[in-house]
Structure formats: structure tokens, C-alpha cells
C-alpha atoms as a PDB file:
ATOM      1  CA  UNK A   1       0.000   0.000   0.000  1.00  0.00           C
ATOM      2  CA  UNK A   2       1.479   3.402  -0.950  1.00  0.00           C
ATOM      3  CA  UNK A   3       2.299   5.912   1.743  1.00  0.00           C
ATOM      4  CA  UNK A   4       3.259   9.540   2.142  1.00  0.00           C
ATOM      5  CA  UNK A   5       6.175  10.609  -0.084  1.00  0.00           C
ATOM      6  CA  UNK A   6       5.886   7.435  -2.214  1.00  0.00           C
ATOM      7  CA  UNK A   7       5.755   7.836  -5.964  1.00  0.00           C
ATOM      8  CA  UNK A   8       2.309   7.733  -7.580  1.00  0.00           C
ATOM      9  CA  UNK A   9       2.363   5.373 -10.571  1.00  0.00           C
ATOM     10  CA  UNK A  10       5.421   4.950 -12.814  1.00  0.00           C
ATOM     11  CA  UNK A  11       8.605   7.037 -12.607  1.00  0.00           C
ATOM     12  CA  UNK A  12       8.643  10.313 -14.514  1.00  0.00           C
ATOM     13  CA  UNK A  13       9.481  10.440 -18.181  1.00  0.00           C
ATOM     14  CA  UNK A  14      12.732  12.085 -19.166  1.00  0.00           C
ATOM     15  CA  UNK A  15      12.076  15.790 -18.675  1.00  0.00           C
ATOM     16  CA  UNK A  16       8.702  15.047 -17.017  1.00  0.00           C
ATOM     17  CA  UNK A  17       7.431  15.740 -13.536  1.00  0.00           C
ATOM     18  CA  UNK A  18       7.659  13.327 -10.618  1.00  0.00           C
ATOM     19  CA  UNK A  19       4.328  12.626  -8.902  1.00  0.00           C
ATOM     20  CA  UNK A  20       4.267  11.772  -5.181  1.00  0.00           C
ATOM     21  CA  UNK A  21       1.759  11.555  -2.355  1.00  0.00           C
ATOM     22  CA  UNK A  22       1.768  14.444   0.127  1.00  0.00           C
ATOM     23  CA  UNK A  23       0.004  12.322   2.761  1.00  0.00           C
ATOM     24  CA  UNK A  24      -1.313   8.834   3.478  1.00  0.00           C
ATOM     25  CA  UNK A  25      -4.940   9.846   2.920  1.00  0.00           C
ATOM     26  CA  UNK A  26      -4.175  10.931  -0.641  1.00  0.00           C
ATOM     27  CA  UNK A  27      -2.300   7.665  -1.232  1.00  0.00           C
ATOM     28  CA  UNK A  28      -5.206   5.543  -0.021  1.00  0.00           C
ATOM     29  CA  UNK A  29      -7.799   7.554  -1.942  1.00  0.00           C
ATOM     30  CA  UNK A  30      -5.634   7.304  -5.093  1.00  0.00           C
ATOM     31  CA  UNK A  31      -5.794   3.533  -4.825  1.00  0.00           C
ATOM     32  CA  UNK A  32      -9.596   3.615  -4.428  1.00  0.00           C
ATOM     33  CA  UNK A  33     -10.092   5.969  -7.377  1.00  0.00           C
ATOM     34  CA  UNK A  34      -7.645   3.971  -9.516  1.00  0.00           C
ATOM     35  CA  UNK A  35      -9.539   0.758  -8.804  1.00  0.00           C
ATOM     36  CA  UNK A  36     -12.883   2.267  -9.799  1.00  0.00           C
ATOM     37  CA  UNK A  37     -11.877   4.243 -12.920  1.00  0.00           C
ATOM     38  CA  UNK A  38      -8.363   3.164 -13.946  1.00  0.00           C
ATOM     39  CA  UNK A  39      -8.351   4.647 -17.457  1.00  0.00           C
ATOM     40  CA  UNK A  40      -9.489   8.076 -16.259  1.00  0.00           C
ATOM     41  CA  UNK A  41      -6.940   8.114 -13.436  1.00  0.00           C
ATOM     42  CA  UNK A  42      -4.163   7.122 -15.842  1.00  0.00           C
ATOM     43  CA  UNK A  43      -5.194   9.934 -18.210  1.00  0.00           C
ATOM     44  CA  UNK A  44      -5.186  12.397 -15.284  1.00  0.00           C
ATOM     45  CA  UNK A  45      -1.712  11.234 -14.259  1.00  0.00           C
ATOM     46  CA  UNK A  46      -0.501  11.700 -17.860  1.00  0.00           C
ATOM     47  CA  UNK A  47      -1.841  15.268 -18.051  1.00  0.00           C
ATOM     48  CA  UNK A  48      -0.610  16.293 -14.600  1.00  0.00           C
ATOM     49  CA  UNK A  49       2.920  14.934 -15.048  1.00  0.00           C
ATOM     50  CA  UNK A  50       3.251  16.299 -18.581  1.00  0.00           C
ATOM     51  CA  UNK A  51       2.290  19.877 -17.676  1.00  0.00           C
ATOM     52  CA  UNK A  52       0.944  20.497 -14.166  1.00  0.00           C
ATOM     53  CA  UNK A  53       0.115  24.142 -14.996  1.00  0.00           C
ATOM     54  CA  UNK A  54      -1.856  23.473 -18.159  1.00  0.00           C
ATOM     55  CA  UNK A  55      -5.238  25.208 -17.956  1.00  0.00           C
ATOM     56  CA  UNK A  56      -8.416  23.794 -19.414  1.00  0.00           C
ATOM     57  CA  UNK A  57     -11.885  22.945 -18.100  1.00  0.00           C
ATOM     58  CA  UNK A  58     -10.529  19.903 -16.213  1.00  0.00           C
ATOM     59  CA  UNK A  59      -7.194  21.267 -14.954  1.00  0.00           C
ATOM     60  CA  UNK A  60      -6.916  24.596 -13.174  1.00  0.00           C
ATOM     61  CA  UNK A  61      -5.596  26.292 -10.027  1.00  0.00           C
ATOM     62  CA  UNK A  62      -7.785  26.235  -6.949  1.00  0.00           C
ATOM     63  CA  UNK A  63      -8.921  29.565  -5.508  1.00  0.00           C
ATOM     64  CA  UNK A  64      -9.556  31.139  -2.144  1.00  0.00           C
ATOM     65  CA  UNK A  65      -8.580  29.148   0.923  1.00  0.00           C
ATOM     66  CA  UNK A  66      -7.669  26.162  -1.277  1.00  0.00           C
ATOM     67  CA  UNK A  67      -5.233  28.104  -3.499  1.00  0.00           C
ATOM     68  CA  UNK A  68      -2.228  27.029  -1.408  1.00  0.00           C
ATOM     69  CA  UNK A  69      -1.461  23.928   0.637  1.00  0.00           C
ATOM     70  CA  UNK A  70       1.451  22.375   2.476  1.00  0.00           C
ATOM     71  CA  UNK A  71       3.316  19.510   0.842  1.00  0.00           C
ATOM     72  CA  UNK A  72       6.693  18.109   1.840  1.00  0.00           C
ATOM     73  CA  UNK A  73       6.990  20.855   4.465  1.00  0.00           C
ATOM     74  CA  UNK A  74       6.480  23.736   2.013  1.00  0.00           C
ATOM     75  CA  UNK A  75       3.504  25.938   1.227  1.00  0.00           C
ATOM     76  CA  UNK A  76       2.873  25.617  -2.509  1.00  0.00           C
ATOM     77  CA  UNK A  77       0.235  26.566  -5.094  1.00  0.00           C
ATOM     78  CA  UNK A  78      -2.553  23.988  -5.263  1.00  0.00           C
ATOM     79  CA  UNK A  79      -4.301  22.892  -8.443  1.00  0.00           C
ATOM     80  CA  UNK A  80      -7.151  20.581  -9.318  1.00  0.00           C
ATOM     81  CA  UNK A  81      -7.706  17.993 -12.005  1.00  0.00           C
ATOM     82  CA  UNK A  82     -11.329  16.931 -12.522  1.00  0.00           C
ATOM     83  CA  UNK A  83     -11.131  13.207 -13.229  1.00  0.00           C
ATOM     84  CA  UNK A  84     -14.911  12.703 -13.527  1.00  0.00           C
ATOM     85  CA  UNK A  85     -18.020  14.775 -12.894  1.00  0.00           C
ATOM     86  CA  UNK A  86     -17.356  14.348  -9.175  1.00  0.00           C
ATOM     87  CA  UNK A  87     -13.865  12.859  -8.792  1.00  0.00           C
ATOM     88  CA  UNK A  88     -11.039  15.315  -8.185  1.00  0.00           C
ATOM     89  CA  UNK A  89      -7.285  15.214  -7.727  1.00  0.00           C
ATOM     90  CA  UNK A  90      -5.763  18.128  -5.822  1.00  0.00           C
ATOM     91  CA  UNK A  91      -2.037  18.661  -6.140  1.00  0.00           C
ATOM     92  CA  UNK A  92       0.721  21.116  -5.291  1.00  0.00           C
ATOM     93  CA  UNK A  93       3.494  22.085  -7.661  1.00  0.00           C
ATOM     94  CA  UNK A  94       7.108  22.150  -6.438  1.00  0.00           C
ATOM     95  CA  UNK A  95       9.105  23.787  -9.235  1.00  0.00           C
ATOM     96  CA  UNK A  96      12.459  23.384  -7.475  1.00  0.00           C
ATOM     97  CA  UNK A  97      12.165  19.595  -7.312  1.00  0.00           C
ATOM     98  CA  UNK A  98       9.991  19.315 -10.438  1.00  0.00           C
ATOM     99  CA  UNK A  99       7.552  17.323  -8.327  1.00  0.00           C
ATOM    100  CA  UNK A 100       3.778  17.283  -8.187  1.00  0.00           C
ATOM    101  CA  UNK A 101       2.515  16.443  -4.674  1.00  0.00           C
ATOM    102  CA  UNK A 102      -0.936  14.842  -4.540  1.00  0.00           C
ATOM    103  CA  UNK A 103      -2.579  16.507  -1.540  1.00  0.00           C
ATOM    104  CA  UNK A 104      -6.108  15.087  -1.847  1.00  0.00           C
ATOM    105  CA  UNK A 105      -7.906  12.612  -4.059  1.00  0.00           C
ATOM    106  CA  UNK A 106     -11.697  12.766  -3.970  1.00  0.00           C
ATOM    107  CA  UNK A 107     -13.831   9.935  -5.343  1.00  0.00           C
ATOM    108  CA  UNK A 108     -16.811  12.329  -5.318  1.00  0.00           C
ATOM    109  CA  UNK A 109     -17.169  16.114  -5.461  1.00  0.00           C
ATOM    110  CA  UNK A 110     -15.296  17.594  -2.454  1.00  0.00           C
ATOM    111  CA  UNK A 111     -17.839  18.855   0.102  1.00  0.00           C
ATOM    112  CA  UNK A 112     -15.477  21.626   1.235  1.00  0.00           C
ATOM    113  CA  UNK A 113     -15.808  23.425  -2.119  1.00  0.00           C
ATOM    114  CA  UNK A 114     -19.618  23.442  -2.249  1.00  0.00           C
END
């Protein structure tokens, strides 16, 4: 079972971004979401690790109190990838380490943002 700071999925491509879990809850939720919709989660991983700052209707920065979060001991900008109509992946971007930290993985629409 993956844990905090473990790599999410395969290693990064040459020149790509590393993707790691910021906490155990994100790691466990990643496993649940991956089991239920594996193709969509794989596509999300591909988009996030290729260009974590790409903006479209599925991938965008979070706003307000969710705009920043702590990952690996640093406060970083937090983004969201909408995997499904309800499923979301929240992640922070660490430019110095070229790492995307998965901070939260929601199998349904996050209640906190309603």
C-alpha cells in the first residue's frame, strides 16, 4: 500500500514531472479511485505529469482558501484535475524539485468546495 512521499504510478518520463503523495490519505484515496476508474486516473496522471500548470476545463488552479497547501513541508500553489463529474485530484506544484505532490484525491465532489 502506498504511503506519504511514495511515488504515484510509474517514474517520470525524461524531462517530465515526478508525482508523489503528500500524505497517506491521498495515497489511499488514489488507490480507491484507480480501482474504480483506472483509465481516467491514468489519463489524469498523464496530463498532470506532462504539464501540471496546463489550464483547461478539467485542470486549473484552486482559488480562495484552497489556493495554497502544504506539501513536503512547504507551502505551494494547489491545483485541481477533474477526473470525472465528481472525482477530483488536488495537487501542489514544487518547481524546485519538479515534483507534483498529490494533496487530496476525492472519489466524489469535495464537500469543502460546495
